[in-house]
N, C-alpha and C. Protein backbone atom coordinates (compact mmCIF):
# COMPACT_ATOMS: atom_id res chain seq x y z
N MET A 1 125.06 157.50 49.21
CA MET A 1 125.12 157.11 50.60
C MET A 1 126.12 158.04 51.29
N SER A 2 125.73 158.58 52.41
CA SER A 2 126.59 159.54 53.10
C SER A 2 127.73 158.82 53.81
N ILE A 3 128.75 159.59 54.13
CA ILE A 3 129.93 159.04 54.81
C ILE A 3 129.54 158.52 56.19
N HIS A 4 128.66 159.25 56.87
CA HIS A 4 128.24 158.81 58.20
C HIS A 4 127.49 157.48 58.13
N LEU A 5 126.60 157.34 57.16
CA LEU A 5 125.85 156.10 57.00
C LEU A 5 126.79 154.96 56.61
N ARG A 6 127.74 155.27 55.76
CA ARG A 6 128.71 154.26 55.34
C ARG A 6 129.57 153.80 56.53
N ALA A 7 130.00 154.74 57.36
CA ALA A 7 130.80 154.42 58.54
C ALA A 7 129.98 153.59 59.53
N THR A 8 128.70 153.92 59.66
CA THR A 8 127.83 153.14 60.54
C THR A 8 127.69 151.71 60.04
N CYS A 9 127.56 151.53 58.75
CA CYS A 9 127.47 150.18 58.18
C CYS A 9 128.75 149.41 58.46
N TRP A 10 129.88 150.03 58.22
CA TRP A 10 131.16 149.37 58.46
C TRP A 10 131.34 149.04 59.95
N ARG A 11 130.90 149.93 60.82
CA ARG A 11 131.01 149.68 62.25
C ARG A 11 130.12 148.48 62.63
N ASN A 12 128.94 148.41 62.07
CA ASN A 12 128.05 147.28 62.35
C ASN A 12 128.65 145.96 61.86
N VAL A 13 129.23 146.01 60.68
CA VAL A 13 129.87 144.80 60.15
C VAL A 13 131.06 144.42 61.03
N GLY A 14 131.82 145.39 61.47
CA GLY A 14 132.95 145.13 62.37
C GLY A 14 132.49 144.51 63.68
N ARG A 15 131.41 145.02 64.24
CA ARG A 15 130.87 144.44 65.48
C ARG A 15 130.39 143.01 65.25
N PHE A 16 129.75 142.82 64.11
CA PHE A 16 129.26 141.48 63.77
C PHE A 16 130.42 140.49 63.73
N TYR A 17 131.49 140.84 63.03
CA TYR A 17 132.64 139.93 62.94
C TYR A 17 133.35 139.79 64.29
N ALA A 18 133.40 140.84 65.06
CA ALA A 18 134.03 140.75 66.38
C ALA A 18 133.25 139.79 67.28
N SER A 19 131.92 139.81 67.15
CA SER A 19 131.12 138.89 67.95
C SER A 19 131.24 137.45 67.45
N ARG A 20 131.58 137.28 66.19
CA ARG A 20 131.68 135.94 65.61
C ARG A 20 133.06 135.30 65.78
N ILE A 21 134.06 136.06 66.18
CA ILE A 21 135.42 135.51 66.29
C ILE A 21 135.46 134.36 67.29
N ALA A 22 134.78 134.50 68.40
CA ALA A 22 134.75 133.41 69.38
C ALA A 22 134.11 132.16 68.78
N ASP A 23 133.04 132.36 68.00
CA ASP A 23 132.40 131.22 67.35
C ASP A 23 133.33 130.56 66.35
N TYR A 24 134.05 131.39 65.59
CA TYR A 24 135.00 130.85 64.61
C TYR A 24 136.09 130.04 65.30
N SER A 25 136.63 130.56 66.38
CA SER A 25 137.72 129.85 67.06
C SER A 25 137.21 128.55 67.67
N GLU A 26 136.02 128.56 68.22
CA GLU A 26 135.45 127.33 68.78
C GLU A 26 135.19 126.31 67.68
N LEU A 27 134.63 126.75 66.57
CA LEU A 27 134.37 125.85 65.45
C LEU A 27 135.67 125.31 64.88
N PHE A 28 136.69 126.17 64.81
CA PHE A 28 137.99 125.74 64.31
C PHE A 28 138.59 124.66 65.22
N SER A 29 138.51 124.86 66.52
CA SER A 29 139.09 123.86 67.43
C SER A 29 138.33 122.55 67.38
N ILE A 30 137.01 122.61 67.24
CA ILE A 30 136.21 121.38 67.13
C ILE A 30 136.57 120.63 65.85
N GLU A 31 136.64 121.35 64.73
CA GLU A 31 136.95 120.68 63.47
C GLU A 31 138.39 120.19 63.42
N LEU A 32 139.30 120.90 64.09
CA LEU A 32 140.68 120.45 64.16
C LEU A 32 140.77 119.14 64.93
N GLU A 33 140.05 119.04 66.03
CA GLU A 33 140.03 117.81 66.82
C GLU A 33 139.42 116.66 66.02
N GLN A 34 138.34 116.94 65.29
CA GLN A 34 137.73 115.90 64.46
C GLN A 34 138.67 115.44 63.36
N ALA A 35 139.35 116.38 62.73
CA ALA A 35 140.29 116.03 61.67
C ALA A 35 141.45 115.21 62.22
N ARG A 36 141.95 115.59 63.41
CA ARG A 36 143.05 114.85 64.02
C ARG A 36 142.62 113.44 64.37
N THR A 37 141.45 113.30 64.97
CA THR A 37 140.93 111.98 65.34
C THR A 37 140.74 111.11 64.11
N ARG A 38 140.16 111.69 63.08
CA ARG A 38 139.93 110.94 61.84
C ARG A 38 141.26 110.51 61.20
N LEU A 39 142.24 111.40 61.21
CA LEU A 39 143.54 111.09 60.62
C LEU A 39 144.24 109.97 61.39
N VAL A 40 144.23 110.05 62.72
CA VAL A 40 144.87 109.01 63.53
C VAL A 40 144.19 107.67 63.30
N ARG A 41 142.86 107.67 63.30
CA ARG A 41 142.12 106.42 63.09
C ARG A 41 142.42 105.82 61.71
N GLU A 42 142.45 106.66 60.68
CA GLU A 42 142.72 106.16 59.33
C GLU A 42 144.15 105.67 59.18
N VAL A 43 145.11 106.36 59.79
CA VAL A 43 146.50 105.93 59.70
C VAL A 43 146.70 104.58 60.38
N ILE A 44 146.13 104.42 61.57
CA ILE A 44 146.25 103.14 62.28
C ILE A 44 145.60 102.03 61.48
N ALA A 45 144.42 102.28 60.95
CA ALA A 45 143.73 101.25 60.15
C ALA A 45 144.52 100.89 58.90
N LEU A 46 145.11 101.89 58.25
CA LEU A 46 145.90 101.61 57.05
C LEU A 46 147.17 100.83 57.37
N ILE A 47 147.79 101.13 58.49
CA ILE A 47 149.00 100.39 58.88
C ILE A 47 148.65 98.93 59.18
N VAL A 48 147.59 98.71 59.93
CA VAL A 48 147.17 97.34 60.24
C VAL A 48 146.80 96.60 58.96
N LEU A 49 146.07 97.26 58.08
CA LEU A 49 145.68 96.64 56.81
C LEU A 49 146.91 96.30 55.97
N ALA A 50 147.86 97.21 55.90
CA ALA A 50 149.06 96.97 55.09
C ALA A 50 149.87 95.80 55.63
N VAL A 51 150.06 95.75 56.94
CA VAL A 51 150.82 94.64 57.54
C VAL A 51 150.10 93.31 57.32
N ALA A 52 148.81 93.29 57.56
CA ALA A 52 148.05 92.04 57.38
C ALA A 52 148.06 91.60 55.92
N ALA A 53 147.88 92.54 55.02
CA ALA A 53 147.88 92.19 53.59
C ALA A 53 149.25 91.70 53.15
N LEU A 54 150.30 92.35 53.61
CA LEU A 54 151.65 91.90 53.24
C LEU A 54 151.95 90.50 53.74
N PHE A 55 151.63 90.22 54.99
CA PHE A 55 151.86 88.87 55.50
C PHE A 55 151.01 87.84 54.76
N SER A 56 149.74 88.15 54.56
CA SER A 56 148.85 87.20 53.87
C SER A 56 149.32 86.92 52.46
N LEU A 57 149.59 87.97 51.72
CA LEU A 57 150.00 87.78 50.33
C LEU A 57 151.39 87.17 50.21
N SER A 58 152.26 87.48 51.15
CA SER A 58 153.60 86.87 51.12
C SER A 58 153.52 85.36 51.35
N PHE A 59 152.75 84.95 52.35
CA PHE A 59 152.60 83.52 52.60
C PHE A 59 151.87 82.83 51.46
N LEU A 60 150.91 83.48 50.87
CA LEU A 60 150.21 82.91 49.71
C LEU A 60 151.18 82.74 48.54
N SER A 61 152.03 83.73 48.32
CA SER A 61 153.01 83.64 47.23
C SER A 61 154.00 82.51 47.47
N VAL A 62 154.48 82.38 48.69
CA VAL A 62 155.41 81.29 49.02
C VAL A 62 154.71 79.94 48.84
N ALA A 63 153.45 79.86 49.23
CA ALA A 63 152.70 78.61 49.07
C ALA A 63 152.53 78.25 47.60
N VAL A 64 152.24 79.23 46.77
CA VAL A 64 152.08 78.96 45.33
C VAL A 64 153.40 78.49 44.73
N ILE A 65 154.48 79.16 45.09
CA ILE A 65 155.80 78.78 44.56
C ILE A 65 156.21 77.40 45.08
N ALA A 66 155.95 77.14 46.35
CA ALA A 66 156.30 75.84 46.93
C ALA A 66 155.50 74.71 46.29
N THR A 67 154.27 74.99 45.93
CA THR A 67 153.43 73.98 45.28
C THR A 67 154.01 73.61 43.92
N ALA A 68 154.60 74.57 43.23
CA ALA A 68 155.14 74.32 41.89
C ALA A 68 156.59 73.86 41.93
N LEU A 69 157.14 73.62 43.11
CA LEU A 69 158.56 73.31 43.25
C LEU A 69 158.98 72.06 42.47
N GLY A 70 158.21 71.03 42.48
CA GLY A 70 158.61 69.78 41.81
C GLY A 70 158.16 69.68 40.36
N THR A 71 157.57 70.71 39.83
CA THR A 71 157.04 70.65 38.47
C THR A 71 157.98 71.36 37.50
N PRO A 72 157.79 71.11 36.21
CA PRO A 72 158.62 71.81 35.22
C PRO A 72 158.22 73.29 35.06
N TYR A 73 157.15 73.69 35.69
CA TYR A 73 156.67 75.07 35.58
C TYR A 73 157.14 75.97 36.73
N PHE A 74 158.08 75.48 37.51
CA PHE A 74 158.53 76.20 38.71
C PHE A 74 159.00 77.62 38.39
N VAL A 75 159.84 77.77 37.40
CA VAL A 75 160.38 79.10 37.05
C VAL A 75 159.26 80.02 36.57
N TYR A 76 158.36 79.48 35.77
CA TYR A 76 157.25 80.29 35.27
C TYR A 76 156.33 80.75 36.40
N VAL A 77 156.09 79.85 37.34
CA VAL A 77 155.24 80.20 38.48
C VAL A 77 155.91 81.28 39.32
N ALA A 78 157.21 81.14 39.56
CA ALA A 78 157.93 82.15 40.35
C ALA A 78 157.87 83.51 39.66
N TRP A 79 158.12 83.55 38.37
CA TRP A 79 158.04 84.83 37.64
C TRP A 79 156.60 85.33 37.55
N GLY A 80 155.65 84.43 37.46
CA GLY A 80 154.24 84.83 37.44
C GLY A 80 153.83 85.49 38.75
N VAL A 81 154.28 84.94 39.87
CA VAL A 81 154.00 85.54 41.18
C VAL A 81 154.64 86.92 41.27
N ALA A 82 155.88 87.04 40.81
CA ALA A 82 156.56 88.35 40.82
C ALA A 82 155.81 89.34 39.93
N GLY A 83 155.33 88.88 38.79
CA GLY A 83 154.57 89.76 37.88
C GLY A 83 153.26 90.22 38.49
N VAL A 84 152.59 89.34 39.19
CA VAL A 84 151.34 89.71 39.87
C VAL A 84 151.62 90.79 40.91
N TRP A 85 152.73 90.66 41.64
CA TRP A 85 153.09 91.68 42.64
C TRP A 85 153.36 93.02 41.97
N VAL A 86 154.02 93.02 40.84
CA VAL A 86 154.29 94.28 40.13
C VAL A 86 152.98 94.92 39.66
N VAL A 87 152.08 94.11 39.11
CA VAL A 87 150.79 94.63 38.66
C VAL A 87 150.00 95.19 39.84
N LEU A 88 150.05 94.50 40.97
CA LEU A 88 149.36 94.97 42.16
C LEU A 88 149.93 96.30 42.63
N CYS A 89 151.24 96.45 42.59
CA CYS A 89 151.86 97.73 42.98
C CYS A 89 151.44 98.86 42.05
N VAL A 90 151.44 98.62 40.76
CA VAL A 90 151.05 99.66 39.79
C VAL A 90 149.58 100.03 39.97
N ALA A 91 148.73 99.02 40.17
CA ALA A 91 147.30 99.29 40.38
C ALA A 91 147.07 100.08 41.66
N SER A 92 147.79 99.72 42.73
CA SER A 92 147.66 100.45 43.99
C SER A 92 148.08 101.90 43.83
N TYR A 93 149.17 102.12 43.13
CA TYR A 93 149.64 103.48 42.89
C TYR A 93 148.60 104.28 42.10
N ALA A 94 148.00 103.66 41.10
CA ALA A 94 146.98 104.34 40.30
C ALA A 94 145.76 104.70 41.15
N VAL A 95 145.35 103.80 42.03
CA VAL A 95 144.19 104.07 42.90
C VAL A 95 144.49 105.21 43.85
N VAL A 96 145.68 105.21 44.43
CA VAL A 96 146.04 106.28 45.37
C VAL A 96 146.09 107.63 44.66
N ARG A 97 146.59 107.67 43.45
CA ARG A 97 146.71 108.94 42.72
C ARG A 97 145.35 109.49 42.28
N THR A 98 144.35 108.63 42.12
CA THR A 98 143.04 109.10 41.65
C THR A 98 142.09 109.46 42.77
N GLN A 99 142.45 109.18 44.02
CA GLN A 99 141.55 109.50 45.13
C GLN A 99 141.54 111.00 45.41
N ARG A 100 140.38 111.48 45.77
CA ARG A 100 140.24 112.88 46.18
C ARG A 100 140.69 113.01 47.62
N PRO A 101 141.42 114.08 47.93
CA PRO A 101 141.81 114.27 49.33
C PRO A 101 140.60 114.62 50.19
N ALA A 102 140.69 114.25 51.45
CA ALA A 102 139.61 114.57 52.40
C ALA A 102 139.56 116.08 52.62
N ARG A 103 138.35 116.60 52.72
CA ARG A 103 138.18 118.03 52.92
C ARG A 103 137.90 118.29 54.39
N SER A 104 138.83 118.94 55.03
CA SER A 104 138.66 119.29 56.43
C SER A 104 138.18 120.73 56.54
N PHE A 105 137.62 121.05 57.67
CA PHE A 105 137.17 122.40 58.00
C PHE A 105 136.08 122.91 57.06
N ASP A 106 135.22 122.02 56.58
CA ASP A 106 134.11 122.45 55.73
C ASP A 106 133.12 123.31 56.48
N GLY A 107 132.87 122.99 57.75
CA GLY A 107 131.92 123.78 58.55
C GLY A 107 132.39 125.20 58.74
N LEU A 108 133.67 125.36 59.08
CA LEU A 108 134.23 126.70 59.25
C LEU A 108 134.22 127.47 57.93
N ARG A 109 134.58 126.82 56.86
CA ARG A 109 134.58 127.46 55.54
C ARG A 109 133.18 127.93 55.17
N GLU A 110 132.19 127.10 55.45
CA GLU A 110 130.80 127.47 55.12
C GLU A 110 130.32 128.64 55.97
N GLU A 111 130.67 128.64 57.26
CA GLU A 111 130.28 129.75 58.13
C GLU A 111 130.92 131.06 57.67
N LEU A 112 132.20 131.01 57.33
CA LEU A 112 132.87 132.22 56.83
C LEU A 112 132.24 132.71 55.54
N ARG A 113 131.89 131.80 54.66
CA ARG A 113 131.26 132.17 53.38
C ARG A 113 129.91 132.82 53.63
N ASN A 114 129.12 132.25 54.55
CA ASN A 114 127.81 132.83 54.85
C ASN A 114 127.94 134.21 55.48
N ASP A 115 128.91 134.36 56.39
CA ASP A 115 129.10 135.66 57.04
C ASP A 115 129.62 136.71 56.06
N LEU A 116 130.47 136.31 55.14
CA LEU A 116 130.93 137.26 54.13
C LEU A 116 129.77 137.72 53.23
N GLU A 117 128.90 136.80 52.91
CA GLU A 117 127.74 137.17 52.10
C GLU A 117 126.83 138.11 52.88
N THR A 118 126.66 137.86 54.17
CA THR A 118 125.85 138.76 55.01
C THR A 118 126.47 140.14 55.07
N ALA A 119 127.80 140.18 55.20
CA ALA A 119 128.48 141.49 55.26
C ALA A 119 128.36 142.23 53.93
N ARG A 120 128.45 141.53 52.83
CA ARG A 120 128.27 142.17 51.51
C ARG A 120 126.87 142.76 51.38
N GLU A 121 125.89 142.01 51.84
CA GLU A 121 124.51 142.50 51.77
C GLU A 121 124.32 143.72 52.67
N ALA A 122 124.96 143.71 53.82
CA ALA A 122 124.81 144.83 54.75
C ALA A 122 125.48 146.08 54.23
N LEU A 123 126.51 145.93 53.44
CA LEU A 123 127.25 147.09 52.94
C LEU A 123 126.68 147.64 51.63
N ARG A 124 125.69 147.04 51.09
CA ARG A 124 125.09 147.53 49.84
C ARG A 124 124.13 148.64 50.09
């Protein structure tokens, strides 16, 4: 392949990418806004869920302990409730550690991958 032909191919690839930069920036801003919206919505939902769950389970725990107040099993019930809370904390930690993180900017990544493949084909 001659130097002139090679330079022409590189110039064409450069023009192609120059024309795509506006598309990339627009796609990036769209996906950034979607990721931000999704993150805000998930954080608010998780905070509301955590507060509601804590209040519900706290009152349930107090009710269970109060029910056992006059019985000889009061101490066992209190420690049993504390043990259930510890098991719940460990299980929650295990679930959080095993979750896959959300993948943002998949559309932009796919477009860049496709354009790189097109450029490789054009330069062959």
